[in-house]
Amino acid sequence: MTPRKFRILNVFSLEGKTFSGNPLCVVEDAEGLSDEEMQAIALQFNLSETTFILPSTKATARVRIFMPHVELPFAGHPMLGSASVVREIFSAGDTLTLETLSGIIPLIAQNDNWELTAAAPQTRPLEFSTDRLAAALSLSTADIGTPAMWVNTGVEQLLVPLNSVDALKRCQPTLALFDRPTRNQRGVVMIYLWVMDSDDHVTSRFFFEKSNGLCEDPGTGSACANLGGYLLKQNAAVPLEITVDQGAQTGRPCRLNLRLDSAKNIKVSGKVTEFGRGEIFL
């Protein structure tokens, strides 16, 4: 049996809070693993994502990202957590790039805080009535803010602004009510609900489809990047910095930072904390 080293990291963690952040498993040396083995390992850990570090001719390293039942082209917290591991095992320093199925992702670090630069956003309108969307979320039409929109800076998600934190807390999505127009280009429900409760603060929740049900994610970097795309589409003034709190309802509070620079680049950052490490045997 060949041992493979792995680490468990908490991404978007809060200072001094061990059980905060979005958990991530990173397999350090995945060269030689088949697609089927990577998918099986991701199911074994059963976290929202598991990543696999591979050599790259285009970047510091190549990263493959697996949910328990499907591979993703891009995801935010796996990028930050994987970068933290790549920095150490490749002696890469605080500036590096990761090759993903969605392209090359640049990252920089200040100590344990990592920041990624997302791809330029692609957007499209939601062809679904506000009344039906509100019903699918167990909310009233009055709870929905400015128009919902599809945004893609690496993975397409539906962004739905709400009018109050109370509405955000009351939201209870019903999977059966999400018809085809509310599924992304891959046919999956991925919905980000957010409230801008001050000029520089957002409270959010993210739901994704998993094994014929909806799960809530504690901290979603890809959705935070898509929020940047949404704000740019709404002609938000730049530069802009926003703190995003997510995960309170999951028991895993997360803090993300969204930055739109003067060139309208979208940057997402957060703290990465190592929780543990070990070996698996195949």
Protein backbone atom coordinates (compact mmCIF):
# COMPACT_ATOMS: atom_id res chain seq x y z
CA MET A 1 0.00 0.00 0.00
CA THR A 2 1.21 3.49 -0.90
CA PRO A 3 0.69 6.14 1.79
CA ARG A 4 -0.64 9.51 0.67
CA LYS A 5 -0.31 12.48 2.99
CA PHE A 6 -3.32 14.70 3.61
CA ARG A 7 -4.18 17.74 5.69
CA ILE A 8 -7.43 19.06 7.11
CA LEU A 9 -7.65 22.85 6.95
CA ASN A 10 -10.22 25.40 8.07
CA VAL A 11 -10.57 28.13 5.46
CA PHE A 12 -12.09 31.55 6.20
CA SER A 13 -11.50 30.83 9.88
CA LEU A 14 -11.84 33.41 12.64
CA GLU A 15 -8.89 34.35 14.82
CA GLY A 16 -8.85 32.29 18.03
CA LYS A 17 -11.82 30.10 17.06
CA THR A 18 -10.68 26.53 16.38
CA PHE A 19 -14.00 25.29 15.02
CA SER A 20 -14.60 28.10 12.58
CA GLY A 21 -14.06 28.24 8.84
CA ASN A 22 -14.99 25.84 6.08
CA PRO A 23 -13.23 22.46 6.45
CA LEU A 24 -11.15 21.22 3.52
CA CYS A 25 -9.10 18.08 2.90
CA VAL A 26 -5.97 18.47 0.76
CA VAL A 27 -4.18 15.37 -0.56
CA GLU A 28 -0.57 16.50 -0.96
CA ASP A 29 0.72 14.18 -3.70
CA ALA A 30 -2.02 12.92 -6.00
CA GLU A 31 0.16 11.94 -8.94
CA GLY A 32 -0.84 8.45 -10.12
CA LEU A 33 -4.33 8.52 -8.63
CA SER A 34 -7.12 7.77 -11.06
CA ASP A 35 -10.22 9.93 -11.41
CA GLU A 36 -12.20 7.16 -9.75
CA GLU A 37 -9.81 7.00 -6.79
CA MET A 38 -9.91 10.76 -6.28
CA GLN A 39 -13.69 10.72 -6.35
CA ALA A 40 -13.76 7.81 -3.89
CA ILE A 41 -11.38 9.60 -1.52
CA ALA A 42 -13.57 12.70 -1.63
CA LEU A 43 -16.58 10.57 -0.73
CA GLN A 44 -14.59 8.90 2.07
CA PHE A 45 -13.83 12.28 3.71
CA ASN A 46 -17.33 13.54 2.80
CA LEU A 47 -16.43 17.21 3.23
CA SER A 48 -17.87 19.82 0.91
CA GLU A 49 -14.64 19.57 -1.12
CA THR A 50 -11.40 17.59 -1.20
CA THR A 51 -8.50 18.75 -3.36
CA PHE A 52 -5.63 16.88 -4.96
CA ILE A 53 -2.23 18.46 -5.65
CA LEU A 54 -0.54 17.52 -8.94
CA PRO A 55 2.46 18.78 -10.96
CA SER A 56 1.83 21.50 -13.52
CA THR A 57 3.75 22.84 -16.51
CA LYS A 58 1.64 26.03 -16.49
CA ALA A 59 1.50 27.02 -12.81
CA THR A 60 3.11 26.35 -9.44
CA ALA A 61 0.86 23.29 -9.12
CA ARG A 62 -2.31 21.80 -10.57
CA VAL A 63 -5.31 21.30 -8.31
CA ARG A 64 -8.32 19.10 -8.87
CA ILE A 65 -11.39 19.75 -6.76
CA PHE A 66 -13.92 17.07 -5.86
CA MET A 67 -17.16 17.24 -3.98
CA PRO A 68 -18.21 13.81 -2.64
CA HIS A 69 -20.03 12.98 -5.89
CA VAL A 70 -18.71 15.32 -8.60
CA GLU A 71 -15.62 17.23 -9.73
CA LEU A 72 -15.72 21.04 -9.78
CA PRO A 73 -13.87 23.33 -12.21
CA PHE A 74 -13.29 25.97 -9.51
CA ALA A 75 -14.14 26.69 -5.88
CA GLY A 76 -12.87 29.43 -3.62
CA HIS A 77 -12.04 27.88 -0.26
CA PRO A 78 -10.29 24.89 -1.92
CA MET A 79 -8.05 27.36 -3.77
CA LEU A 80 -6.98 29.20 -0.62
CA GLY A 81 -6.46 26.01 1.39
CA SER A 82 -4.57 24.27 -1.42
CA ALA A 83 -2.35 27.32 -1.90
CA SER A 84 -1.38 27.17 1.77
CA VAL A 85 -0.26 23.56 1.36
CA VAL A 86 1.47 24.19 -2.00
CA ARG A 87 3.46 27.05 -0.47
CA GLU A 88 4.93 24.67 2.08
CA ILE A 89 5.50 21.51 0.07
CA PHE A 90 6.85 23.35 -3.01
CA SER A 91 8.67 26.10 -1.04
CA ALA A 92 6.78 28.45 -3.35
CA GLY A 93 6.75 31.63 -1.31
CA ASP A 94 3.84 33.98 -0.84
CA THR A 95 3.00 34.44 -4.54
CA LEU A 96 1.94 31.46 -6.60
CA THR A 97 -0.49 30.21 -9.24
CA LEU A 98 -2.75 27.16 -9.30
CA GLU A 99 -3.94 25.45 -12.47
CA THR A 100 -7.62 24.44 -12.37
CA LEU A 101 -10.16 23.23 -14.89
CA SER A 102 -11.42 26.83 -15.09
CA GLY A 103 -7.96 28.33 -15.73
CA ILE A 104 -4.91 29.66 -13.89
CA ILE A 105 -5.70 31.25 -10.52
CA PRO A 106 -3.16 33.72 -9.04
CA LEU A 107 -2.85 33.81 -5.24
CA ILE A 108 -0.88 35.85 -2.74
CA ALA A 109 -0.43 35.48 1.01
CA GLN A 110 0.29 37.59 4.05
CA ASN A 111 1.17 35.03 6.73
CA ASP A 112 -1.91 32.74 6.94
CA ASN A 113 -4.23 35.07 5.02
CA TRP A 114 -4.60 34.11 1.38
CA GLU A 115 -6.12 36.09 -1.48
CA LEU A 116 -7.14 34.83 -4.91
CA THR A 117 -7.91 36.79 -8.05
CA ALA A 118 -11.05 35.47 -9.74
CA ALA A 119 -11.77 35.42 -13.46
CA ALA A 120 -13.73 38.24 -15.08
CA PRO A 121 -17.45 37.71 -14.43
CA GLN A 122 -19.98 36.44 -16.92
CA THR A 123 -23.61 37.23 -16.13
CA ARG A 124 -27.07 36.44 -17.43
CA PRO A 125 -30.56 37.25 -16.17
CA LEU A 126 -32.75 34.78 -14.30
CA GLU A 127 -35.72 33.70 -16.43
CA PHE A 128 -37.93 32.86 -13.45
CA SER A 129 -40.52 35.05 -11.76
CA THR A 130 -39.75 36.71 -8.44
CA ASP A 131 -42.93 35.19 -6.99
CA ARG A 132 -41.83 31.66 -7.86
CA LEU A 133 -38.30 32.30 -6.61
CA ALA A 134 -39.63 33.62 -3.30
CA ALA A 135 -41.86 30.56 -2.92
CA ALA A 136 -38.91 28.24 -3.56
CA LEU A 137 -37.04 30.03 -0.76
CA SER A 138 -40.03 30.00 1.63
CA LEU A 139 -40.03 33.80 1.54
CA SER A 140 -42.38 36.53 0.40
CA THR A 141 -41.86 38.55 -2.77
CA ALA A 142 -41.19 41.61 -0.59
CA ASP A 143 -38.16 39.83 0.91
CA ILE A 144 -36.38 39.77 -2.49
CA GLY A 145 -34.20 42.80 -3.23
CA THR A 146 -32.75 43.86 -6.55
CA PRO A 147 -33.10 41.30 -9.38
CA ALA A 148 -31.56 37.87 -8.96
CA MET A 149 -28.81 37.16 -11.47
CA TRP A 150 -26.63 34.33 -12.69
CA VAL A 151 -22.92 35.12 -12.19
CA ASN A 152 -19.89 33.07 -13.17
CA THR A 153 -16.31 33.89 -12.15
CA GLY A 154 -15.31 30.22 -12.20
CA VAL A 155 -18.54 28.37 -11.39
CA GLU A 156 -22.01 29.65 -12.25
CA GLN A 157 -24.28 30.40 -9.29
CA LEU A 158 -27.59 32.18 -8.78
CA LEU A 159 -27.19 35.32 -6.66
CA VAL A 160 -30.30 36.50 -4.84
CA PRO A 161 -30.13 39.75 -2.83
CA LEU A 162 -32.53 39.92 0.11
CA ASN A 163 -33.89 42.97 1.89
CA SER A 164 -33.13 41.99 5.50
CA VAL A 165 -31.06 39.71 7.71
CA ASP A 166 -34.37 38.47 9.14
CA ALA A 167 -35.38 37.20 5.68
CA LEU A 168 -31.97 35.58 5.32
CA LYS A 169 -32.46 33.70 8.58
CA ARG A 170 -36.01 32.63 7.66
CA CYS A 171 -35.03 31.25 4.26
CA GLN A 172 -35.71 27.51 3.84
CA PRO A 173 -35.14 26.48 0.20
CA THR A 174 -37.24 23.62 -1.19
CA LEU A 175 -35.34 21.66 -3.85
CA ALA A 176 -38.48 20.43 -5.64
CA LEU A 177 -39.48 24.04 -6.42
CA PHE A 178 -36.24 24.85 -8.25
CA ASP A 179 -37.23 24.25 -11.88
CA ARG A 180 -34.79 24.18 -14.81
CA PRO A 181 -34.40 27.99 -15.06
CA THR A 182 -33.02 28.03 -11.50
CA ARG A 183 -30.36 25.42 -12.24
CA ASN A 184 -26.96 26.43 -13.53
CA GLN A 185 -25.34 25.45 -16.81
CA ARG A 186 -24.39 22.10 -15.28
CA GLY A 187 -28.00 21.50 -14.21
CA VAL A 188 -27.27 21.95 -10.49
CA VAL A 189 -28.89 24.22 -7.90
CA MET A 190 -26.30 26.63 -6.45
CA ILE A 191 -27.87 29.65 -4.81
CA TYR A 192 -26.22 32.49 -2.88
CA LEU A 193 -28.43 34.66 -0.67
CA TRP A 194 -27.00 37.89 0.66
CA VAL A 195 -27.87 41.09 2.47
CA MET A 196 -25.76 44.24 2.32
CA ASP A 197 -26.45 45.41 5.86
CA SER A 198 -23.97 48.31 5.71
CA ASP A 199 -21.75 49.96 3.11
CA ASP A 200 -18.90 47.56 3.82
CA HIS A 201 -20.55 44.44 5.27
CA VAL A 202 -22.57 41.54 3.84
CA THR A 203 -24.26 38.64 5.63
CA SER A 204 -24.80 35.62 3.40
CA ARG A 205 -25.86 31.99 3.04
CA PHE A 206 -25.11 29.50 0.27
CA PHE A 207 -27.07 26.36 -0.66
CA PHE A 208 -25.98 23.67 -3.08
CA GLU A 209 -27.46 20.44 -4.38
CA LYS A 210 -25.96 17.24 -3.04
CA SER A 211 -27.29 13.68 -3.40
CA ASN A 212 -30.81 14.83 -4.30
CA GLY A 213 -30.97 17.27 -1.40
CA LEU A 214 -29.90 20.81 -0.56
CA CYS A 215 -26.99 21.44 1.80
CA GLU A 216 -25.77 24.71 3.30
CA ASP A 217 -22.12 25.63 2.90
CA PRO A 218 -20.38 27.49 5.75
CA GLY A 219 -18.06 29.67 3.63
CA THR A 220 -18.11 29.91 -0.16
CA GLY A 221 -15.25 31.73 -1.86
CA SER A 222 -16.59 31.21 -5.38
CA ALA A 223 -19.90 32.80 -4.36
CA CYS A 224 -18.05 35.70 -2.73
CA ALA A 225 -16.22 36.23 -6.03
CA ASN A 226 -19.55 36.05 -7.86
CA LEU A 227 -20.88 38.68 -5.48
CA GLY A 228 -18.08 40.89 -6.75
CA GLY A 229 -19.26 40.20 -10.29
CA TYR A 230 -22.83 41.08 -9.32
CA LEU A 231 -21.75 44.38 -7.77
CA LEU A 232 -19.71 45.27 -10.85
CA LYS A 233 -22.72 44.53 -13.05
CA GLN A 234 -24.70 46.93 -10.82
CA ASN A 235 -22.01 49.58 -11.45
CA ALA A 236 -20.68 49.64 -7.89
CA ALA A 237 -18.03 52.30 -7.37
CA VAL A 238 -14.49 50.93 -7.15
CA PRO A 239 -12.21 50.44 -5.34
CA LEU A 240 -14.43 48.66 -2.82
CA GLU A 241 -13.77 46.40 0.18
CA ILE A 242 -16.46 44.35 1.91
CA THR A 243 -16.39 41.92 4.83
CA VAL A 244 -18.68 38.93 4.32
CA ASP A 245 -19.92 36.83 7.24
CA GLN A 246 -21.35 33.43 6.38
CA GLY A 247 -22.00 30.12 8.12
CA ALA A 248 -23.73 31.17 11.34
CA GLN A 249 -26.68 28.82 10.70
CA THR A 250 -24.30 25.88 10.10
CA GLY A 251 -22.40 26.28 13.37
CA ARG A 252 -19.22 27.06 11.39
CA PRO A 253 -18.86 30.86 11.28
CA CYS A 254 -16.73 32.07 8.38
CA ARG A 255 -15.32 35.47 7.48
CA LEU A 256 -14.48 36.32 3.89
CA ASN A 257 -13.08 39.52 2.46
CA LEU A 258 -14.12 40.80 -0.96
CA ARG A 259 -12.05 43.43 -2.71
CA LEU A 260 -12.74 45.13 -6.03
CA ASP A 261 -9.69 47.10 -7.10
CA SER A 262 -9.61 50.19 -9.30
CA ALA A 263 -9.15 47.98 -12.38
CA LYS A 264 -12.30 46.03 -11.44
CA ASN A 265 -10.38 42.87 -10.56
CA ILE A 266 -12.25 40.62 -8.12
CA LYS A 267 -10.24 39.42 -5.14
CA VAL A 268 -11.38 37.12 -2.32
CA SER A 269 -9.35 36.46 0.80
CA GLY A 270 -9.49 34.78 4.17
CA LYS A 271 -7.52 33.10 6.92
CA VAL A 272 -6.37 29.47 6.51
CA THR A 273 -5.76 27.41 9.66
CA GLU A 274 -4.41 23.86 9.72
CA PHE A 275 -6.52 21.55 11.87
CA GLY A 276 -4.73 18.22 11.42
CA ARG A 277 -2.84 15.91 9.09
CA GLY A 278 -2.34 12.23 8.41
CA GLU A 279 -1.95 9.50 5.79
CA ILE A 280 -4.28 7.37 3.74
CA PHE A 281 -3.39 3.97 2.35
CA LEU A 282 -4.54 2.65 -1.03
